[in-house]
């Protein structure tokens, strides 16, 4: 199954108050394996960049000034995501900004039924635990040492690894192999290797019982032990 893991960076927390999306990063996965295909873009938000938001992702208004507008490149994004399920961390936030940008372009929103929220999955698997992307990377031993600030493509790459772990991690391959084996019988009888009998004359088994002389020596040895545990 094809899925798109994605993340966004924005000018703030609420598109309803004028905040805009300034970056999006998407990672393509098929059957929970990254294909190497990705989509990444910056957008000119046509507004200022609050200092608090810039401190999170490091994207200044000056850096974004010469970037394309969302409406000028949105068709490329829509072609990349297609009709695949979209995986995001706290997905309602990212869906909200993506659909707000599509609404400004008078385009149909992405259906919320396509949303896969890794926060919701993590909450079921680890109730009471910290659920931030950083916390989940630490839990699953995912290296994030190169993550100095938030970045949409980098965070999507980390989230793709977290998503695999949330879905079963390395055990997935074993489960799929077992299911495939059960679902696709070969119809052939199992072949059992039989070792041929050795050639040559057969020797009679050698006696292993102790002789009377050996039994006498054993009794003498046991009698010479001081304070034996067997009393």
C-alpha atoms as a PDB file:
ATOM      1  CA  UNK A   1       0.000   0.000   0.000  1.00  0.00           C
ATOM      2  CA  UNK A   2       1.272   3.464  -0.911  1.00  0.00           C
ATOM      3  CA  UNK A   3       1.316   6.068   1.877  1.00  0.00           C
ATOM      4  CA  UNK A   4       2.713   9.590   2.128  1.00  0.00           C
ATOM      5  CA  UNK A   5       4.384  10.701   5.359  1.00  0.00           C
ATOM      6  CA  UNK A   6       4.464  14.490   5.503  1.00  0.00           C
ATOM      7  CA  UNK A   7       5.172  17.487   7.707  1.00  0.00           C
ATOM      8  CA  UNK A   8       4.644  21.229   7.401  1.00  0.00           C
ATOM      9  CA  UNK A   9       6.223  24.387   8.802  1.00  0.00           C
ATOM     10  CA  UNK A  10       4.110  27.497   9.258  1.00  0.00           C
ATOM     11  CA  UNK A  11       4.099  31.113  10.421  1.00  0.00           C
ATOM     12  CA  UNK A  12       2.050  30.191  13.481  1.00  0.00           C
ATOM     13  CA  UNK A  13      -0.555  27.908  14.969  1.00  0.00           C
ATOM     14  CA  UNK A  14      -3.870  28.824  13.333  1.00  0.00           C
ATOM     15  CA  UNK A  15      -4.641  29.354   9.635  1.00  0.00           C
ATOM     16  CA  UNK A  16      -7.964  30.923  10.628  1.00  0.00           C
ATOM     17  CA  UNK A  17      -6.096  33.914  12.064  1.00  0.00           C
ATOM     18  CA  UNK A  18      -3.960  34.453   8.982  1.00  0.00           C
ATOM     19  CA  UNK A  19      -1.089  32.039   9.571  1.00  0.00           C
ATOM     20  CA  UNK A  20       0.302  30.408   6.424  1.00  0.00           C
ATOM     21  CA  UNK A  21       2.220  27.292   5.446  1.00  0.00           C
ATOM     22  CA  UNK A  22       5.826  28.035   4.443  1.00  0.00           C
ATOM     23  CA  UNK A  23       7.288  24.544   3.913  1.00  0.00           C
ATOM     24  CA  UNK A  24       6.112  21.017   3.214  1.00  0.00           C
ATOM     25  CA  UNK A  25       8.067  17.771   3.043  1.00  0.00           C
ATOM     26  CA  UNK A  26       6.657  14.432   1.854  1.00  0.00           C
ATOM     27  CA  UNK A  27       8.131  10.911   1.903  1.00  0.00           C
ATOM     28  CA  UNK A  28       6.652   8.133  -0.224  1.00  0.00           C
ATOM     29  CA  UNK A  29       6.331   4.693   1.385  1.00  0.00           C
ATOM     30  CA  UNK A  30       5.040   1.454  -0.103  1.00  0.00           C
ATOM     31  CA  UNK A  31       4.209  -1.330   2.348  1.00  0.00           C
ATOM     32  CA  UNK A  32       5.981   0.700   5.058  1.00  0.00           C
ATOM     33  CA  UNK A  33       9.241   0.850   3.070  1.00  0.00           C
ATOM     34  CA  UNK A  34      10.543   4.255   1.871  1.00  0.00           C
ATOM     35  CA  UNK A  35      10.842   4.240  -1.927  1.00  0.00           C
ATOM     36  CA  UNK A  36      13.359   7.084  -2.125  1.00  0.00           C
ATOM     37  CA  UNK A  37      10.772   9.366  -3.735  1.00  0.00           C
ATOM     38  CA  UNK A  38      10.044  12.643  -1.948  1.00  0.00           C
ATOM     39  CA  UNK A  39       8.537  16.081  -2.452  1.00  0.00           C
ATOM     40  CA  UNK A  40       9.847  19.232  -0.779  1.00  0.00           C
ATOM     41  CA  UNK A  41       9.005  22.889  -1.268  1.00  0.00           C
ATOM     42  CA  UNK A  42       9.215  26.286   0.418  1.00  0.00           C
ATOM     43  CA  UNK A  43       6.491  28.897  -0.078  1.00  0.00           C
ATOM     44  CA  UNK A  44       6.355  32.677   0.155  1.00  0.00           C
ATOM     45  CA  UNK A  45       3.649  33.289   2.784  1.00  0.00           C
ATOM     46  CA  UNK A  46       3.002  36.856   1.612  1.00  0.00           C
ATOM     47  CA  UNK A  47       3.266  38.088   5.184  1.00  0.00           C
ATOM     48  CA  UNK A  48       5.781  38.605   7.976  1.00  0.00           C
ATOM     49  CA  UNK A  49       7.412  35.808   9.969  1.00  0.00           C
ATOM     50  CA  UNK A  50       6.826  36.034  13.735  1.00  0.00           C
ATOM     51  CA  UNK A  51       9.997  35.708  15.796  1.00  0.00           C
ATOM     52  CA  UNK A  52       8.583  32.749  17.735  1.00  0.00           C
ATOM     53  CA  UNK A  53       7.912  30.753  14.578  1.00  0.00           C
ATOM     54  CA  UNK A  54      11.310  31.611  13.086  1.00  0.00           C
ATOM     55  CA  UNK A  55      12.989  30.389  16.278  1.00  0.00           C
ATOM     56  CA  UNK A  56      11.359  26.982  15.752  1.00  0.00           C
ATOM     57  CA  UNK A  57      12.177  26.370  12.064  1.00  0.00           C
ATOM     58  CA  UNK A  58      14.734  29.055  11.198  1.00  0.00           C
ATOM     59  CA  UNK A  59      12.872  30.266   8.096  1.00  0.00           C
ATOM     60  CA  UNK A  60      12.988  34.034   7.852  1.00  0.00           C
ATOM     61  CA  UNK A  61      10.823  36.335   5.755  1.00  0.00           C
ATOM     62  CA  UNK A  62      13.947  37.301   3.791  1.00  0.00           C
ATOM     63  CA  UNK A  63      14.714  33.652   2.970  1.00  0.00           C
ATOM     64  CA  UNK A  64      11.143  33.027   1.821  1.00  0.00           C
ATOM     65  CA  UNK A  65      10.769  36.247  -0.153  1.00  0.00           C
ATOM     66  CA  UNK A  66      11.895  34.733  -3.477  1.00  0.00           C
ATOM     67  CA  UNK A  67      10.167  31.374  -3.016  1.00  0.00           C
ATOM     68  CA  UNK A  68       7.090  30.506  -5.135  1.00  0.00           C
ATOM     69  CA  UNK A  69       3.567  31.057  -3.909  1.00  0.00           C
ATOM     70  CA  UNK A  70       1.656  27.950  -2.888  1.00  0.00           C
ATOM     71  CA  UNK A  71      -0.872  28.443  -5.700  1.00  0.00           C
ATOM     72  CA  UNK A  72       1.913  28.405  -8.278  1.00  0.00           C
ATOM     73  CA  UNK A  73       3.204  24.928  -7.333  1.00  0.00           C
ATOM     74  CA  UNK A  74       0.277  23.214  -5.608  1.00  0.00           C
ATOM     75  CA  UNK A  75      -0.496  21.020  -8.633  1.00  0.00           C
ATOM     76  CA  UNK A  76       2.930  19.366  -8.313  1.00  0.00           C
ATOM     77  CA  UNK A  77       2.173  18.604  -4.667  1.00  0.00           C
ATOM     78  CA  UNK A  78      -1.287  17.230  -5.440  1.00  0.00           C
ATOM     79  CA  UNK A  79       0.110  14.996  -8.176  1.00  0.00           C
ATOM     80  CA  UNK A  80       2.730  13.636  -5.784  1.00  0.00           C
ATOM     81  CA  UNK A  81       0.349  12.785  -2.941  1.00  0.00           C
ATOM     82  CA  UNK A  82      -2.310  11.435  -5.318  1.00  0.00           C
ATOM     83  CA  UNK A  83      -5.109   9.695  -3.434  1.00  0.00           C
ATOM     84  CA  UNK A  84      -2.818   7.947  -0.915  1.00  0.00           C
ATOM     85  CA  UNK A  85      -3.337   8.028   2.853  1.00  0.00           C
ATOM     86  CA  UNK A  86      -1.412  10.917   4.457  1.00  0.00           C
ATOM     87  CA  UNK A  87       0.550  10.237   7.642  1.00  0.00           C
ATOM     88  CA  UNK A  88       1.480  13.110   9.947  1.00  0.00           C
ATOM     89  CA  UNK A  89       2.306  13.740  13.607  1.00  0.00           C
ATOM     90  CA  UNK A  90      -0.605  15.575  15.208  1.00  0.00           C
ATOM     91  CA  UNK A  91      -2.101  15.315  11.746  1.00  0.00           C
ATOM     92  CA  UNK A  92      -5.036  17.636  12.368  1.00  0.00           C
ATOM     93  CA  UNK A  93      -2.601  20.572  12.498  1.00  0.00           C
ATOM     94  CA  UNK A  94      -0.932  19.740   9.169  1.00  0.00           C
ATOM     95  CA  UNK A  95      -4.229  18.904   7.450  1.00  0.00           C
ATOM     96  CA  UNK A  96      -5.652  22.198   8.671  1.00  0.00           C
ATOM     97  CA  UNK A  97      -2.892  24.239   7.065  1.00  0.00           C
ATOM     98  CA  UNK A  98      -2.801  22.181   3.861  1.00  0.00           C
ATOM     99  CA  UNK A  99      -6.536  22.511   3.346  1.00  0.00           C
ATOM    100  CA  UNK A 100      -6.462  26.206   4.221  1.00  0.00           C
ATOM    101  CA  UNK A 101      -3.919  26.774   1.447  1.00  0.00           C
ATOM    102  CA  UNK A 102      -6.009  24.729  -0.995  1.00  0.00           C
ATOM    103  CA  UNK A 103      -9.071  26.798  -0.052  1.00  0.00           C
ATOM    104  CA  UNK A 104      -7.199  30.013  -0.882  1.00  0.00           C
ATOM    105  CA  UNK A 105      -6.579  28.479  -4.333  1.00  0.00           C
ATOM    106  CA  UNK A 106     -10.275  27.561  -4.610  1.00  0.00           C
ATOM    107  CA  UNK A 107      -9.346  23.864  -4.772  1.00  0.00           C
ATOM    108  CA  UNK A 108     -11.012  20.876  -3.122  1.00  0.00           C
ATOM    109  CA  UNK A 109      -9.676  20.052   0.347  1.00  0.00           C
ATOM    110  CA  UNK A 110      -7.899  16.794   1.096  1.00  0.00           C
ATOM    111  CA  UNK A 111     -10.484  14.443   2.595  1.00  0.00           C
ATOM    112  CA  UNK A 112      -9.976  13.925   6.317  1.00  0.00           C
ATOM    113  CA  UNK A 113     -10.642  10.202   5.907  1.00  0.00           C
ATOM    114  CA  UNK A 114      -7.156   9.975   4.398  1.00  0.00           C
ATOM    115  CA  UNK A 115      -5.587  11.210   7.634  1.00  0.00           C
ATOM    116  CA  UNK A 116      -3.333   8.886   9.651  1.00  0.00           C
ATOM    117  CA  UNK A 117      -2.289  10.520  12.929  1.00  0.00           C
ATOM    118  CA  UNK A 118       0.839   9.028  14.509  1.00  0.00           C
ATOM    119  CA  UNK A 119       0.094  10.808  17.793  1.00  0.00           C
ATOM    120  CA  UNK A 120      -3.158   8.841  18.074  1.00  0.00           C
ATOM    121  CA  UNK A 121      -1.337   5.586  17.250  1.00  0.00           C
ATOM    122  CA  UNK A 122       1.413   6.325  19.773  1.00  0.00           C
ATOM    123  CA  UNK A 123      -1.122   7.211  22.479  1.00  0.00           C
ATOM    124  CA  UNK A 124      -2.692   3.755  22.148  1.00  0.00           C
ATOM    125  CA  UNK A 125       0.672   1.965  22.158  1.00  0.00           C
ATOM    126  CA  UNK A 126       2.290   4.033  24.923  1.00  0.00           C
ATOM    127  CA  UNK A 127      -0.442   5.488  27.173  1.00  0.00           C
ATOM    128  CA  UNK A 128       0.864   8.116  29.543  1.00  0.00           C
ATOM    129  CA  UNK A 129       4.219   8.466  27.760  1.00  0.00           C
ATOM    130  CA  UNK A 130       5.592  11.559  26.038  1.00  0.00           C
ATOM    131  CA  UNK A 131       4.399  11.588  22.430  1.00  0.00           C
ATOM    132  CA  UNK A 132       6.499  14.306  20.772  1.00  0.00           C
ATOM    133  CA  UNK A 133       8.518  13.332  17.712  1.00  0.00           C
ATOM    134  CA  UNK A 134      11.719  13.769  19.722  1.00  0.00           C
ATOM    135  CA  UNK A 135      10.412  11.526  22.515  1.00  0.00           C
ATOM    136  CA  UNK A 136       9.372   8.784  20.098  1.00  0.00           C
ATOM    137  CA  UNK A 137      12.725   8.944  18.304  1.00  0.00           C
ATOM    138  CA  UNK A 138      14.432   8.445  21.677  1.00  0.00           C
ATOM    139  CA  UNK A 139      12.107   5.556  22.564  1.00  0.00           C
ATOM    140  CA  UNK A 140      12.858   3.724  19.315  1.00  0.00           C
ATOM    141  CA  UNK A 141      16.562   4.586  19.097  1.00  0.00           C
ATOM    142  CA  UNK A 142      16.201   6.723  15.960  1.00  0.00           C
ATOM    143  CA  UNK A 143      19.148   9.080  15.410  1.00  0.00           C
ATOM    144  CA  UNK A 144      18.073  12.720  15.324  1.00  0.00           C
ATOM    145  CA  UNK A 145      21.452  14.260  16.126  1.00  0.00           C
ATOM    146  CA  UNK A 146      21.377  16.171  12.819  1.00  0.00           C
ATOM    147  CA  UNK A 147      18.079  17.852  13.756  1.00  0.00           C
ATOM    148  CA  UNK A 148      19.056  21.302  15.020  1.00  0.00           C
ATOM    149  CA  UNK A 149      15.767  23.013  14.102  1.00  0.00           C
ATOM    150  CA  UNK A 150      12.448  21.786  12.779  1.00  0.00           C
ATOM    151  CA  UNK A 151      12.403  21.163   9.041  1.00  0.00           C
ATOM    152  CA  UNK A 152       9.509  19.691   7.087  1.00  0.00           C
ATOM    153  CA  UNK A 153      11.460  17.170   5.015  1.00  0.00           C
ATOM    154  CA  UNK A 154      13.791  16.163   7.853  1.00  0.00           C
ATOM    155  CA  UNK A 155      10.884  15.726  10.253  1.00  0.00           C
ATOM    156  CA  UNK A 156       8.985  13.686   7.642  1.00  0.00           C
ATOM    157  CA  UNK A 157      12.022  11.400   7.274  1.00  0.00           C
ATOM    158  CA  UNK A 158      12.213  10.907  11.056  1.00  0.00           C
ATOM    159  CA  UNK A 159       8.470  10.383  11.280  1.00  0.00           C
ATOM    160  CA  UNK A 160       8.612   7.722   8.558  1.00  0.00           C
ATOM    161  CA  UNK A 161      11.000   5.734  10.772  1.00  0.00           C
ATOM    162  CA  UNK A 162       8.810   6.273  13.832  1.00  0.00           C
ATOM    163  CA  UNK A 163       5.725   5.205  11.870  1.00  0.00           C
ATOM    164  CA  UNK A 164       7.350   1.908  10.918  1.00  0.00           C
ATOM    165  CA  UNK A 165       8.147   1.246  14.574  1.00  0.00           C
ATOM    166  CA  UNK A 166       4.616   2.153  15.651  1.00  0.00           C
ATOM    167  CA  UNK A 167       3.272  -0.331  13.099  1.00  0.00           C
ATOM    168  CA  UNK A 168       5.451  -3.178  14.353  1.00  0.00           C
ATOM    169  CA  UNK A 169       9.012  -2.303  13.401  1.00  0.00           C
ATOM    170  CA  UNK A 170      11.376  -5.053  12.329  1.00  0.00           C
ATOM    171  CA  UNK A 171       8.790  -7.738  13.105  1.00  0.00           C
ATOM    172  CA  UNK A 172       6.696  -6.629  10.134  1.00  0.00           C
ATOM    173  CA  UNK A 173       8.780  -8.591   7.648  1.00  0.00           C
ATOM    174  CA  UNK A 174       8.489 -11.758   9.699  1.00  0.00           C
ATOM    175  CA  UNK A 175       4.720 -11.402   9.988  1.00  0.00           C
ATOM    176  CA  UNK A 176       4.291 -10.735   6.282  1.00  0.00           C
ATOM    177  CA  UNK A 177       6.444 -13.719   5.415  1.00  0.00           C
ATOM    178  CA  UNK A 178       4.373 -15.973   7.656  1.00  0.00           C
ATOM    179  CA  UNK A 179       1.122 -14.660   6.185  1.00  0.00           C
ATOM    180  CA  UNK A 180       2.382 -15.115   2.644  1.00  0.00           C
ATOM    181  CA  UNK A 181       3.497 -18.660   3.417  1.00  0.00           C
ATOM    182  CA  UNK A 182       0.093 -19.537   4.865  1.00  0.00           C
ATOM    183  CA  UNK A 183      -1.826 -17.851   2.046  1.00  0.00           C
ATOM    184  CA  UNK A 184       0.145 -19.338  -0.850  1.00  0.00           C
ATOM    185  CA  UNK A 185       0.593 -23.121  -0.420  1.00  0.00           C
ATOM    186  CA  UNK A 186       2.849 -24.642  -3.042  1.00  0.00           C
ATOM    187  CA  UNK A 187       0.875 -27.865  -3.385  1.00  0.00           C
ATOM    188  CA  UNK A 188       4.109 -29.875  -3.184  1.00  0.00           C
ATOM    189  CA  UNK A 189       4.785 -32.560  -0.583  1.00  0.00           C
ATOM    190  CA  UNK A 190       7.485 -31.783   1.904  1.00  0.00           C
ATOM    191  CA  UNK A 191      10.755 -33.548   1.086  1.00  0.00           C
ATOM    192  CA  UNK A 192      12.490 -35.051   4.108  1.00  0.00           C
ATOM    193  CA  UNK A 193      16.184 -35.828   3.845  1.00  0.00           C
ATOM    194  CA  UNK A 194      17.005 -39.375   4.999  1.00  0.00           C
ATOM    195  CA  UNK A 195      20.570 -40.258   5.964  1.00  0.00           C
ATOM    196  CA  UNK A 196      21.659 -43.519   4.285  1.00  0.00           C
ATOM    197  CA  UNK A 197      22.598 -46.453   6.508  1.00  0.00           C
ATOM    198  CA  UNK A 198      26.380 -46.895   6.964  1.00  0.00           C
ATOM    199  CA  UNK A 199      28.019 -49.569   4.835  1.00  0.00           C
ATOM    200  CA  UNK A 200      30.103 -52.413   6.269  1.00  0.00           C
ATOM    201  CA  UNK A 201      29.607 -55.103   8.920  1.00  0.00           C
ATOM    202  CA  UNK A 202      27.428 -54.228  11.912  1.00  0.00           C
ATOM    203  CA  UNK A 203      29.215 -54.335  15.269  1.00  0.00           C
ATOM    204  CA  UNK A 204      27.514 -55.722  18.310  1.00  0.00           C
ATOM    205  CA  UNK A 205      26.917 -53.203  21.119  1.00  0.00           C
ATOM    206  CA  UNK A 206      29.661 -53.096  23.730  1.00  0.00           C
ATOM    207  CA  UNK A 207      28.757 -53.841  27.374  1.00  0.00           C
ATOM    208  CA  UNK A 208      28.652 -50.752  29.610  1.00  0.00           C
ATOM    209  CA  UNK A 209      27.916 -52.319  33.011  1.00  0.00           C
ATOM    210  CA  UNK A 210      30.622 -52.035  35.700  1.00  0.00           C
ATOM    211  CA  UNK A 211      32.632 -55.151  36.511  1.00  0.00           C
ATOM    212  CA  UNK A 212      32.672 -56.647  40.028  1.00  0.00           C
ATOM    213  CA  UNK A 213      36.209 -55.327  40.577  1.00  0.00           C
ATOM    214  CA  UNK A 214      35.118 -51.778  39.598  1.00  0.00           C
ATOM    215  CA  UNK A 215      32.174 -51.974  42.002  1.00  0.00           C
ATOM    216  CA  UNK A 216      34.500 -53.003  44.852  1.00  0.00           C
ATOM    217  CA  UNK A 217      36.847 -50.077  44.189  1.00  0.00           C
ATOM    218  CA  UNK A 218      33.870 -47.694  44.048  1.00  0.00           C
ATOM    219  CA  UNK A 219      32.574 -48.873  47.441  1.00  0.00           C
ATOM    220  CA  UNK A 220      36.038 -48.440  48.953  1.00  0.00           C
ATOM    221  CA  UNK A 221      36.292 -44.915  47.552  1.00  0.00           C
ATOM    222  CA  UNK A 222      32.870 -43.902  48.855  1.00  0.00           C
ATOM    223  CA  UNK A 223      33.656 -45.326  52.322  1.00  0.00           C
ATOM    224  CA  UNK A 224      36.738 -43.085  52.544  1.00  0.00           C
ATOM    225  CA  UNK A 225      34.794 -39.801  52.224  1.00  0.00           C
ATOM    226  CA  UNK A 226      34.366 -37.901  55.506  1.00  0.00           C
ATOM    227  CA  UNK A 227      30.882 -36.510  56.283  1.00  0.00           C
ATOM    228  CA  UNK A 228      29.309 -37.203  52.910  1.00  0.00           C
ATOM    229  CA  UNK A 229      26.243 -35.091  51.972  1.00  0.00           C
ATOM    230  CA  UNK A 230      24.231 -38.260  51.330  1.00  0.00           C
ATOM    231  CA  UNK A 231      24.585 -39.185  55.008  1.00  0.00           C
END
